[in-house]
Amino acid sequence: MIFLKKIKKSRQKFFILPPAQLANKIVRRYGGGVILLALVVAGSFLYTASVMALAADSAGAQPQSIQAEAEPDDLLTVQFIPNDPDLPEQYYLSQVNIEPAWDVATTSPEVVVAVIDTGVDIYHPDLSQNIWKNEGEIKDDGRDNDHNGYVDDYQGWDFIMQSPNPRPKFGGETSALGINHGTVVAGLIGAVGHNNFGIAGVDWQGKIMPLRALNNLGTGDVRQWRRHH
């Protein structure tokens, strides 16, 4: 924790009192008198500060306060990082520079993304609350309430089995790709973010419409899918 002792809106000197452990670590690693670049928050402004670290004595005593100069920069925007434990493994998010986008918005719940794939596990704990629901359909009543030609298509459709259950199927010949691919794709798009579980999707609350059009081996007939769509 860094405590700000004094700062003004215009270019002014201020003082920072760093924790002894942090300051000593900096001194041990880089030596006394090292110049650090720091970002300091004051009100709604972001201050860029060049900070001169003072050497701690050999006994490890508390360093003196650090004197610095700062001037106001752009309006402060903080990159919000979700707490999902597998986020560090999601290298592709940094490749698309997702963090600044999350600062603008982390969700668009009115957006529905159809995942036409091997099926989606609609009960997956990192996906279930983001699975699209057909408000024109009454779940499991055996009727085509919205008159679209699909009975009970409340949470998607299975075009392989002609079934309202869009989850992957485990019977017969299967492959890991055929079972998992659709759920993985759905997670990349819309896994619940900042829920301290699994991964974070690009859209934390966007809705996923599962449409199973590929079989247990991950293959399918596009012409057949079009006939039934």
C-alpha atoms as a PDB file:
ATOM      1  CA  MET A   1       0.000   0.000   0.000  1.00  0.00           C
ATOM      2  CA  ILE A   2       1.330   3.471  -0.888  1.00  0.00           C
ATOM      3  CA  PHE A   3       0.010   6.390   1.104  1.00  0.00           C
ATOM      4  CA  LEU A   4      -0.167   9.813  -0.500  1.00  0.00           C
ATOM      5  CA  LYS A   5       0.823  12.571   1.933  1.00  0.00           C
ATOM      6  CA  LYS A   6       0.237  15.659  -0.184  1.00  0.00           C
ATOM      7  CA  ILE A   7      -0.760  16.348  -3.783  1.00  0.00           C
ATOM      8  CA  LYS A   8      -2.372  19.189  -5.745  1.00  0.00           C
ATOM      9  CA  LYS A   9      -4.032  19.440  -9.146  1.00  0.00           C
ATOM     10  CA  SER A  10      -1.232  21.427 -10.737  1.00  0.00           C
ATOM     11  CA  ARG A  11       2.354  20.207 -11.009  1.00  0.00           C
ATOM     12  CA  GLN A  12       3.478  19.924  -7.410  1.00  0.00           C
ATOM     13  CA  LYS A  13       5.859  17.990  -5.231  1.00  0.00           C
ATOM     14  CA  PHE A  14       4.379  15.299  -3.060  1.00  0.00           C
ATOM     15  CA  PHE A  15       5.641  12.589  -0.774  1.00  0.00           C
ATOM     16  CA  ILE A  16       5.087   8.852  -0.790  1.00  0.00           C
ATOM     17  CA  LEU A  17       5.764   6.634   2.186  1.00  0.00           C
ATOM     18  CA  PRO A  18       6.412   3.094   0.873  1.00  0.00           C
ATOM     19  CA  PRO A  19       6.241  -0.072   2.955  1.00  0.00           C
ATOM     20  CA  ALA A  20       9.670  -1.005   4.266  1.00  0.00           C
ATOM     21  CA  GLN A  21       9.589  -4.455   2.711  1.00  0.00           C
ATOM     22  CA  LEU A  22       8.805  -3.085  -0.761  1.00  0.00           C
ATOM     23  CA  ALA A  23      11.359  -0.278  -0.597  1.00  0.00           C
ATOM     24  CA  ASN A  24      14.090  -2.577   0.721  1.00  0.00           C
ATOM     25  CA  LYS A  25      13.368  -5.095  -2.015  1.00  0.00           C
ATOM     26  CA  ILE A  26      13.707  -2.388  -4.665  1.00  0.00           C
ATOM     27  CA  VAL A  27      16.970  -1.170  -3.174  1.00  0.00           C
ATOM     28  CA  ARG A  28      18.431  -4.672  -2.893  1.00  0.00           C
ATOM     29  CA  ARG A  29      17.570  -5.505  -6.466  1.00  0.00           C
ATOM     30  CA  TYR A  30      18.350  -2.248  -8.237  1.00  0.00           C
ATOM     31  CA  GLY A  31      20.530  -0.301  -5.804  1.00  0.00           C
ATOM     32  CA  GLY A  32      20.034   3.068  -4.147  1.00  0.00           C
ATOM     33  CA  GLY A  33      19.037   6.100  -6.149  1.00  0.00           C
ATOM     34  CA  VAL A  34      17.179   4.126  -8.805  1.00  0.00           C
ATOM     35  CA  ILE A  35      14.523   6.093 -10.669  1.00  0.00           C
ATOM     36  CA  LEU A  36      11.157   4.394 -10.881  1.00  0.00           C
ATOM     37  CA  LEU A  37       8.121   5.248 -12.956  1.00  0.00           C
ATOM     38  CA  ALA A  38       4.933   5.188 -10.919  1.00  0.00           C
ATOM     39  CA  LEU A  39       1.257   5.822 -11.538  1.00  0.00           C
ATOM     40  CA  VAL A  40      -0.450   7.724  -8.745  1.00  0.00           C
ATOM     41  CA  VAL A  41      -4.196   8.217  -8.419  1.00  0.00           C
ATOM     42  CA  ALA A  42      -5.575  11.463  -7.002  1.00  0.00           C
ATOM     43  CA  GLY A  43      -9.285  12.025  -7.300  1.00  0.00           C
ATOM     44  CA  SER A  44     -10.284  11.283 -10.884  1.00  0.00           C
ATOM     45  CA  PHE A  45      -6.863  12.098 -12.324  1.00  0.00           C
ATOM     46  CA  LEU A  46      -3.987   9.830 -13.230  1.00  0.00           C
ATOM     47  CA  TYR A  47      -0.600  11.242 -12.261  1.00  0.00           C
ATOM     48  CA  THR A  48       2.600  10.022 -13.874  1.00  0.00           C
ATOM     49  CA  ALA A  49       5.438  10.361 -11.410  1.00  0.00           C
ATOM     50  CA  SER A  50       9.180   9.884 -11.634  1.00  0.00           C
ATOM     51  CA  VAL A  51      10.132   8.578  -8.212  1.00  0.00           C
ATOM     52  CA  MET A  52      13.642   8.633  -6.702  1.00  0.00           C
ATOM     53  CA  ALA A  53      14.038   5.699  -4.327  1.00  0.00           C
ATOM     54  CA  LEU A  54      16.259   6.248  -1.304  1.00  0.00           C
ATOM     55  CA  ALA A  55      18.603   3.528  -0.118  1.00  0.00           C
ATOM     56  CA  ALA A  56      17.695   1.687   3.033  1.00  0.00           C
ATOM     57  CA  ASP A  57      20.453   1.140   5.553  1.00  0.00           C
ATOM     58  CA  SER A  58      22.052  -2.249   6.058  1.00  0.00           C
ATOM     59  CA  ALA A  59      19.933  -2.899   9.125  1.00  0.00           C
ATOM     60  CA  GLY A  60      16.795  -2.760   6.997  1.00  0.00           C
ATOM     61  CA  ALA A  61      15.337   0.256   8.772  1.00  0.00           C
ATOM     62  CA  GLN A  62      12.237   1.951   7.420  1.00  0.00           C
ATOM     63  CA  PRO A  63      13.295   4.159   4.482  1.00  0.00           C
ATOM     64  CA  GLN A  64      12.494   7.817   4.562  1.00  0.00           C
ATOM     65  CA  SER A  65       9.616   9.233   2.553  1.00  0.00           C
ATOM     66  CA  ILE A  66      10.259   9.404  -1.173  1.00  0.00           C
ATOM     67  CA  GLN A  67      10.074  12.813  -2.832  1.00  0.00           C
ATOM     68  CA  ALA A  68       8.707  13.075  -6.345  1.00  0.00           C
ATOM     69  CA  GLU A  69       7.141  15.417  -8.873  1.00  0.00           C
ATOM     70  CA  ALA A  70       3.968  14.658 -10.734  1.00  0.00           C
ATOM     71  CA  GLU A  71       1.685  16.243 -13.277  1.00  0.00           C
ATOM     72  CA  PRO A  72      -1.886  15.302 -14.220  1.00  0.00           C
ATOM     73  CA  ASP A  73      -2.236  12.948 -17.181  1.00  0.00           C
ATOM     74  CA  ASP A  74      -5.380  11.651 -18.899  1.00  0.00           C
ATOM     75  CA  LEU A  75      -8.571  10.864 -17.033  1.00  0.00           C
ATOM     76  CA  LEU A  76      -8.072   7.703 -15.036  1.00  0.00           C
ATOM     77  CA  THR A  77      -9.216   4.401 -16.512  1.00  0.00           C
ATOM     78  CA  VAL A  78      -8.436   1.233 -14.585  1.00  0.00           C
ATOM     79  CA  GLN A  79      -8.111  -2.107 -16.341  1.00  0.00           C
ATOM     80  CA  PHE A  80     -10.429  -4.475 -14.515  1.00  0.00           C
ATOM     81  CA  ILE A  81      -9.126  -8.034 -14.375  1.00  0.00           C
ATOM     82  CA  PRO A  82     -11.631 -10.776 -13.463  1.00  0.00           C
ATOM     83  CA  ASN A  83     -10.884 -13.313 -10.735  1.00  0.00           C
ATOM     84  CA  ASP A  84     -11.450 -16.453 -12.810  1.00  0.00           C
ATOM     85  CA  PRO A  85      -8.609 -18.845 -11.836  1.00  0.00           C
ATOM     86  CA  ASP A  86      -7.890 -20.134 -15.362  1.00  0.00           C
ATOM     87  CA  LEU A  87      -7.632 -16.636 -16.839  1.00  0.00           C
ATOM     88  CA  PRO A  88      -3.783 -16.773 -17.045  1.00  0.00           C
ATOM     89  CA  GLU A  89      -4.113 -19.702 -19.464  1.00  0.00           C
ATOM     90  CA  GLN A  90      -6.325 -17.675 -21.807  1.00  0.00           C
ATOM     91  CA  TYR A  91      -3.441 -16.285 -23.863  1.00  0.00           C
ATOM     92  CA  TYR A  92      -5.737 -15.454 -26.763  1.00  0.00           C
ATOM     93  CA  LEU A  93      -7.478 -12.732 -24.747  1.00  0.00           C
ATOM     94  CA  SER A  94      -4.280 -10.715 -24.478  1.00  0.00           C
ATOM     95  CA  GLN A  95      -3.648 -11.293 -28.182  1.00  0.00           C
ATOM     96  CA  VAL A  96      -6.890  -9.483 -28.998  1.00  0.00           C
ATOM     97  CA  ASN A  97      -6.167  -6.863 -26.299  1.00  0.00           C
ATOM     98  CA  ILE A  98      -9.385  -7.628 -24.434  1.00  0.00           C
ATOM     99  CA  GLU A  99      -8.606  -5.766 -21.181  1.00  0.00           C
ATOM    100  CA  PRO A 100      -9.230  -2.228 -22.559  1.00  0.00           C
ATOM    101  CA  ALA A 101     -12.490  -3.489 -24.055  1.00  0.00           C
ATOM    102  CA  TRP A 102     -13.553  -4.840 -20.667  1.00  0.00           C
ATOM    103  CA  ASP A 103     -12.909  -1.376 -19.216  1.00  0.00           C
ATOM    104  CA  VAL A 104     -15.639  -0.084 -21.543  1.00  0.00           C
ATOM    105  CA  ALA A 105     -18.068  -2.982 -21.041  1.00  0.00           C
ATOM    106  CA  THR A 106     -17.834  -6.552 -19.810  1.00  0.00           C
ATOM    107  CA  THR A 107     -21.224  -7.646 -21.004  1.00  0.00           C
ATOM    108  CA  SER A 108     -24.054  -7.109 -23.443  1.00  0.00           C
ATOM    109  CA  PRO A 109     -26.871  -9.374 -22.180  1.00  0.00           C
ATOM    110  CA  GLU A 110     -29.140  -8.404 -25.069  1.00  0.00           C
ATOM    111  CA  VAL A 111     -26.729 -10.033 -27.552  1.00  0.00           C
ATOM    112  CA  VAL A 112     -27.431 -13.653 -28.534  1.00  0.00           C
ATOM    113  CA  VAL A 113     -24.704 -15.708 -30.220  1.00  0.00           C
ATOM    114  CA  ALA A 114     -25.691 -18.951 -31.958  1.00  0.00           C
ATOM    115  CA  VAL A 115     -23.030 -21.647 -31.531  1.00  0.00           C
ATOM    116  CA  ILE A 116     -23.538 -24.071 -34.446  1.00  0.00           C
ATOM    117  CA  ASP A 117     -21.288 -26.913 -33.399  1.00  0.00           C
ATOM    118  CA  THR A 118     -21.185 -30.297 -31.626  1.00  0.00           C
ATOM    119  CA  GLY A 119     -23.615 -29.225 -28.928  1.00  0.00           C
ATOM    120  CA  VAL A 120     -23.194 -27.235 -25.731  1.00  0.00           C
ATOM    121  CA  ASP A 121     -23.353 -28.456 -22.151  1.00  0.00           C
ATOM    122  CA  ILE A 122     -26.137 -26.143 -21.025  1.00  0.00           C
ATOM    123  CA  TYR A 123     -25.636 -27.209 -17.394  1.00  0.00           C
ATOM    124  CA  HIS A 124     -21.941 -26.379 -17.254  1.00  0.00           C
ATOM    125  CA  PRO A 125     -21.391 -24.227 -14.123  1.00  0.00           C
ATOM    126  CA  ASP A 126     -19.474 -21.590 -16.099  1.00  0.00           C
ATOM    127  CA  LEU A 127     -22.135 -21.397 -18.839  1.00  0.00           C
ATOM    128  CA  SER A 128     -25.564 -22.289 -17.463  1.00  0.00           C
ATOM    129  CA  GLN A 129     -26.665 -18.776 -16.506  1.00  0.00           C
ATOM    130  CA  ASN A 130     -25.690 -17.469 -19.945  1.00  0.00           C
ATOM    131  CA  ILE A 131     -27.629 -20.019 -22.008  1.00  0.00           C
ATOM    132  CA  TRP A 132     -30.288 -18.377 -24.164  1.00  0.00           C
ATOM    133  CA  LYS A 133     -33.920 -19.116 -23.355  1.00  0.00           C
ATOM    134  CA  ASN A 134     -36.702 -18.993 -25.920  1.00  0.00           C
ATOM    135  CA  GLU A 135     -39.308 -16.841 -24.201  1.00  0.00           C
ATOM    136  CA  GLY A 136     -41.892 -17.875 -26.792  1.00  0.00           C
ATOM    137  CA  GLU A 137     -41.659 -21.508 -25.734  1.00  0.00           C
ATOM    138  CA  ILE A 138     -42.940 -23.263 -22.602  1.00  0.00           C
ATOM    139  CA  LYS A 139     -40.296 -25.716 -21.425  1.00  0.00           C
ATOM    140  CA  ASP A 140     -41.093 -29.437 -21.755  1.00  0.00           C
ATOM    141  CA  ASP A 141     -44.819 -29.073 -22.471  1.00  0.00           C
ATOM    142  CA  GLY A 142     -44.573 -31.062 -25.723  1.00  0.00           C
ATOM    143  CA  ARG A 143     -45.922 -28.223 -27.872  1.00  0.00           C
ATOM    144  CA  ASP A 144     -44.546 -25.829 -30.441  1.00  0.00           C
ATOM    145  CA  ASN A 145     -45.713 -22.732 -28.587  1.00  0.00           C
ATOM    146  CA  ASP A 146     -43.991 -20.208 -30.838  1.00  0.00           C
ATOM    147  CA  HIS A 147     -45.025 -22.055 -34.039  1.00  0.00           C
ATOM    148  CA  ASN A 148     -41.538 -22.090 -35.522  1.00  0.00           C
ATOM    149  CA  GLY A 149     -41.590 -25.795 -36.355  1.00  0.00           C
ATOM    150  CA  TYR A 150     -39.538 -26.950 -33.357  1.00  0.00           C
ATOM    151  CA  VAL A 151     -41.278 -28.447 -30.331  1.00  0.00           C
ATOM    152  CA  ASP A 152     -39.875 -27.384 -26.948  1.00  0.00           C
ATOM    153  CA  ASP A 153     -36.878 -25.535 -28.421  1.00  0.00           C
ATOM    154  CA  TYR A 154     -36.497 -23.664 -25.154  1.00  0.00           C
ATOM    155  CA  GLN A 155     -32.685 -23.599 -24.994  1.00  0.00           C
ATOM    156  CA  GLY A 156     -31.624 -24.411 -28.542  1.00  0.00           C
ATOM    157  CA  TRP A 157     -31.958 -27.399 -30.855  1.00  0.00           C
ATOM    158  CA  ASP A 158     -30.215 -30.606 -31.926  1.00  0.00           C
ATOM    159  CA  PHE A 159     -30.392 -30.838 -35.723  1.00  0.00           C
ATOM    160  CA  ILE A 160     -28.648 -34.229 -35.735  1.00  0.00           C
ATOM    161  CA  MET A 161     -31.206 -35.961 -33.502  1.00  0.00           C
ATOM    162  CA  GLN A 162     -34.094 -33.534 -34.199  1.00  0.00           C
ATOM    163  CA  SER A 163     -34.351 -32.973 -30.471  1.00  0.00           C
ATOM    164  CA  PRO A 164     -34.783 -29.962 -28.161  1.00  0.00           C
ATOM    165  CA  ASN A 165     -31.767 -31.156 -26.144  1.00  0.00           C
ATOM    166  CA  PRO A 166     -28.724 -29.339 -27.623  1.00  0.00           C
ATOM    167  CA  ARG A 167     -26.160 -31.030 -25.368  1.00  0.00           C
ATOM    168  CA  PRO A 168     -23.382 -33.274 -26.756  1.00  0.00           C
ATOM    169  CA  LYS A 169     -24.344 -36.935 -27.080  1.00  0.00           C
ATOM    170  CA  PHE A 170     -22.196 -39.737 -25.668  1.00  0.00           C
ATOM    171  CA  GLY A 171     -23.739 -42.784 -27.361  1.00  0.00           C
ATOM    172  CA  GLY A 172     -22.077 -44.694 -30.209  1.00  0.00           C
ATOM    173  CA  GLU A 173     -18.768 -43.717 -31.783  1.00  0.00           C
ATOM    174  CA  THR A 174     -17.397 -40.533 -30.263  1.00  0.00           C
ATOM    175  CA  SER A 175     -14.284 -38.379 -30.144  1.00  0.00           C
ATOM    176  CA  ALA A 176     -13.052 -35.772 -27.694  1.00  0.00           C
ATOM    177  CA  LEU A 177     -13.473 -33.161 -30.423  1.00  0.00           C
ATOM    178  CA  GLY A 178     -17.025 -34.245 -31.123  1.00  0.00           C
ATOM    179  CA  ILE A 179     -17.998 -34.140 -27.461  1.00  0.00           C
ATOM    180  CA  ASN A 180     -16.187 -31.046 -26.208  1.00  0.00           C
ATOM    181  CA  HIS A 181     -15.747 -28.640 -29.100  1.00  0.00           C
ATOM    182  CA  GLY A 182     -19.099 -26.866 -28.940  1.00  0.00           C
ATOM    183  CA  THR A 183     -18.899 -26.322 -25.193  1.00  0.00           C
ATOM    184  CA  VAL A 184     -15.361 -24.968 -25.506  1.00  0.00           C
ATOM    185  CA  VAL A 185     -16.423 -22.526 -28.232  1.00  0.00           C
ATOM    186  CA  ALA A 186     -19.390 -21.401 -26.137  1.00  0.00           C
ATOM    187  CA  GLY A 187     -17.057 -20.809 -23.191  1.00  0.00           C
ATOM    188  CA  LEU A 188     -14.685 -18.684 -25.247  1.00  0.00           C
ATOM    189  CA  ILE A 189     -17.611 -16.513 -26.258  1.00  0.00           C
ATOM    190  CA  GLY A 190     -19.721 -16.368 -23.126  1.00  0.00           C
ATOM    191  CA  ALA A 191     -18.342 -18.082 -20.032  1.00  0.00           C
ATOM    192  CA  VAL A 192     -19.440 -16.157 -16.944  1.00  0.00           C
ATOM    193  CA  GLY A 193     -16.712 -13.708 -15.979  1.00  0.00           C
ATOM    194  CA  HIS A 194     -15.504 -12.681 -12.515  1.00  0.00           C
ATOM    195  CA  ASN A 195     -17.225 -15.580 -10.745  1.00  0.00           C
ATOM    196  CA  ASN A 196     -14.045 -17.082  -9.277  1.00  0.00           C
ATOM    197  CA  PHE A 197     -14.500 -20.202 -11.394  1.00  0.00           C
ATOM    198  CA  GLY A 198     -13.017 -21.521 -14.627  1.00  0.00           C
ATOM    199  CA  ILE A 199     -12.410 -19.030 -17.413  1.00  0.00           C
ATOM    200  CA  ALA A 200     -13.843 -15.693 -18.525  1.00  0.00           C
ATOM    201  CA  GLY A 201     -15.647 -15.401 -21.826  1.00  0.00           C
ATOM    202  CA  VAL A 202     -15.310 -12.357 -24.046  1.00  0.00           C
ATOM    203  CA  ASP A 203     -18.863 -11.360 -23.071  1.00  0.00           C
ATOM    204  CA  TRP A 204     -19.500 -12.184 -19.400  1.00  0.00           C
ATOM    205  CA  GLN A 205     -23.302 -12.199 -19.622  1.00  0.00           C
ATOM    206  CA  GLY A 206     -24.022 -12.503 -23.336  1.00  0.00           C
ATOM    207  CA  LYS A 207     -26.445 -15.261 -24.281  1.00  0.00           C
ATOM    208  CA  ILE A 208     -25.424 -18.476 -26.046  1.00  0.00           C
ATOM    209  CA  MET A 209     -27.919 -20.233 -28.351  1.00  0.00           C
ATOM    210  CA  PRO A 210     -26.738 -23.868 -28.663  1.00  0.00           C
ATOM    211  CA  LEU A 211     -27.444 -25.446 -32.063  1.00  0.00           C
ATOM    212  CA  ARG A 212     -26.048 -28.958 -32.468  1.00  0.00           C
ATOM    213  CA  ALA A 213     -25.290 -29.517 -36.159  1.00  0.00           C
ATOM    214  CA  LEU A 214     -22.151 -31.687 -35.867  1.00  0.00           C
ATOM    215  CA  ASN A 215     -22.139 -35.279 -34.651  1.00  0.00           C
ATOM    216  CA  ASN A 216     -20.135 -37.124 -31.982  1.00  0.00           C
ATOM    217  CA  LEU A 217     -17.080 -37.133 -34.247  1.00  0.00           C
ATOM    218  CA  GLY A 218     -17.301 -33.434 -34.994  1.00  0.00           C
ATOM    219  CA  THR A 219     -18.618 -33.830 -38.550  1.00  0.00           C
ATOM    220  CA  GLY A 220     -21.894 -32.915 -40.173  1.00  0.00           C
ATOM    221  CA  ASP A 221     -23.743 -32.275 -43.415  1.00  0.00           C
ATOM    222  CA  VAL A 222     -24.265 -28.576 -44.065  1.00  0.00           C
ATOM    223  CA  ARG A 223     -26.981 -29.308 -46.617  1.00  0.00           C
ATOM    224  CA  GLN A 224     -28.901 -31.372 -44.062  1.00  0.00           C
ATOM    225  CA  TRP A 225     -28.630 -28.587 -41.499  1.00  0.00           C
ATOM    226  CA  ARG A 226     -29.930 -26.053 -44.011  1.00  0.00           C
ATOM    227  CA  ARG A 227     -32.924 -28.243 -44.860  1.00  0.00           C
ATOM    228  CA  HIS A 228     -33.995 -28.315 -41.227  1.00  0.00           C
ATOM    229  CA  HIS A 229     -33.145 -24.742 -40.323  1.00  0.00           C
END
